[in-house]
């Protein structure tokens, strides 16, 4: 199973949202899609947090390299 990118997860969440708008969808199907959507959004948020941490490390390393003699 390959790791999906943030953009892929976001696109998938949008697809799920569109499906949830279908008035013909049963309650059970809606709940399953809702759960899947929440899981997808949480995974996307995790990717954002990881990216923020990487940027923070890069910025800190850059600052440290500027202050070194």
C-alpha atoms as a PDB file:
ATOM      1  CA  UNK A   1       0.000   0.000   0.000  1.00  0.00           C
ATOM      2  CA  UNK A   2       1.544   3.288  -1.076  1.00  0.00           C
ATOM      3  CA  UNK A   3       1.417   6.482   0.921  1.00  0.00           C
ATOM      4  CA  UNK A   4      -0.901   9.067  -0.537  1.00  0.00           C
ATOM      5  CA  UNK A   5       0.182  12.670  -0.771  1.00  0.00           C
ATOM      6  CA  UNK A   6      -1.573  15.488   1.034  1.00  0.00           C
ATOM      7  CA  UNK A   7      -3.109  16.593  -2.257  1.00  0.00           C
ATOM      8  CA  UNK A   8      -4.424  13.099  -2.978  1.00  0.00           C
ATOM      9  CA  UNK A   9      -5.959  12.857   0.478  1.00  0.00           C
ATOM     10  CA  UNK A  10      -7.594  16.247   0.047  1.00  0.00           C
ATOM     11  CA  UNK A  11      -8.999  15.289  -3.362  1.00  0.00           C
ATOM     12  CA  UNK A  12     -10.364  12.050  -1.903  1.00  0.00           C
ATOM     13  CA  UNK A  13     -12.007  13.914   0.974  1.00  0.00           C
ATOM     14  CA  UNK A  14     -13.674  16.209  -1.567  1.00  0.00           C
ATOM     15  CA  UNK A  15     -14.979  13.170  -3.454  1.00  0.00           C
ATOM     16  CA  UNK A  16     -16.443  11.790  -0.245  1.00  0.00           C
ATOM     17  CA  UNK A  17     -18.112  15.110   0.474  1.00  0.00           C
ATOM     18  CA  UNK A  18     -19.710  15.095  -2.968  1.00  0.00           C
ATOM     19  CA  UNK A  19     -20.996  11.563  -2.388  1.00  0.00           C
ATOM     20  CA  UNK A  20     -22.463  12.614   0.968  1.00  0.00           C
ATOM     21  CA  UNK A  21     -24.511  15.229  -0.876  1.00  0.00           C
ATOM     22  CA  UNK A  22     -26.404  12.488  -2.731  1.00  0.00           C
ATOM     23  CA  UNK A  23     -29.983  12.448  -1.397  1.00  0.00           C
ATOM     24  CA  UNK A  24     -30.341   8.790  -2.421  1.00  0.00           C
ATOM     25  CA  UNK A  25     -27.605   7.661  -0.020  1.00  0.00           C
ATOM     26  CA  UNK A  26     -28.759   5.587   2.929  1.00  0.00           C
ATOM     27  CA  UNK A  27     -28.002   6.589   6.490  1.00  0.00           C
ATOM     28  CA  UNK A  28     -25.654   3.632   6.905  1.00  0.00           C
ATOM     29  CA  UNK A  29     -23.708   4.547   3.757  1.00  0.00           C
ATOM     30  CA  UNK A  30     -23.545   8.170   4.880  1.00  0.00           C
ATOM     31  CA  UNK A  31     -22.106   7.226   8.260  1.00  0.00           C
ATOM     32  CA  UNK A  32     -19.452   5.018   6.640  1.00  0.00           C
ATOM     33  CA  UNK A  33     -18.445   7.789   4.246  1.00  0.00           C
ATOM     34  CA  UNK A  34     -18.380  10.295   7.090  1.00  0.00           C
ATOM     35  CA  UNK A  35     -16.059   8.054   9.122  1.00  0.00           C
ATOM     36  CA  UNK A  36     -13.824   7.506   6.114  1.00  0.00           C
ATOM     37  CA  UNK A  37     -13.748  11.241   5.459  1.00  0.00           C
ATOM     38  CA  UNK A  38     -12.741  12.020   9.031  1.00  0.00           C
ATOM     39  CA  UNK A  39      -9.962   9.450   8.854  1.00  0.00           C
ATOM     40  CA  UNK A  40      -8.718  10.933   5.579  1.00  0.00           C
ATOM     41  CA  UNK A  41      -8.757  14.486   6.975  1.00  0.00           C
ATOM     42  CA  UNK A  42      -6.850  13.377  10.088  1.00  0.00           C
ATOM     43  CA  UNK A  43      -4.206  11.749   7.888  1.00  0.00           C
ATOM     44  CA  UNK A  44      -3.928  14.948   5.833  1.00  0.00           C
ATOM     45  CA  UNK A  45      -3.556  16.986   9.034  1.00  0.00           C
ATOM     46  CA  UNK A  46      -0.789  14.648  10.164  1.00  0.00           C
ATOM     47  CA  UNK A  47       1.042  15.276   6.888  1.00  0.00           C
ATOM     48  CA  UNK A  48       0.724  19.033   7.414  1.00  0.00           C
ATOM     49  CA  UNK A  49       2.135  18.750  10.933  1.00  0.00           C
ATOM     50  CA  UNK A  50       5.055  16.666   9.665  1.00  0.00           C
ATOM     51  CA  UNK A  51       5.779  19.266   6.999  1.00  0.00           C
ATOM     52  CA  UNK A  52       5.656  22.062   9.591  1.00  0.00           C
ATOM     53  CA  UNK A  53       8.148  20.190  11.768  1.00  0.00           C
ATOM     54  CA  UNK A  54      10.505  19.684   8.816  1.00  0.00           C
ATOM     55  CA  UNK A  55      10.338  23.373   7.894  1.00  0.00           C
ATOM     56  CA  UNK A  56      10.988  24.319  11.511  1.00  0.00           C
ATOM     57  CA  UNK A  57      14.082  22.098  11.632  1.00  0.00           C
ATOM     58  CA  UNK A  58      15.356  23.532   8.344  1.00  0.00           C
ATOM     59  CA  UNK A  59      14.830  27.105   9.566  1.00  0.00           C
ATOM     60  CA  UNK A  60      16.580  26.379  12.862  1.00  0.00           C
ATOM     61  CA  UNK A  61      19.521  24.770  11.078  1.00  0.00           C
ATOM     62  CA  UNK A  62      19.717  27.740   8.724  1.00  0.00           C
ATOM     63  CA  UNK A  63      19.767  30.190  11.644  1.00  0.00           C
ATOM     64  CA  UNK A  64      22.445  28.173  13.410  1.00  0.00           C
ATOM     65  CA  UNK A  65      24.622  28.066  10.309  1.00  0.00           C
ATOM     66  CA  UNK A  66      24.372  31.872   9.997  1.00  0.00           C
ATOM     67  CA  UNK A  67      25.498  32.436  13.584  1.00  0.00           C
ATOM     68  CA  UNK A  68      28.457  30.070  13.421  1.00  0.00           C
ATOM     69  CA  UNK A  69      31.835  31.768  12.855  1.00  0.00           C
END
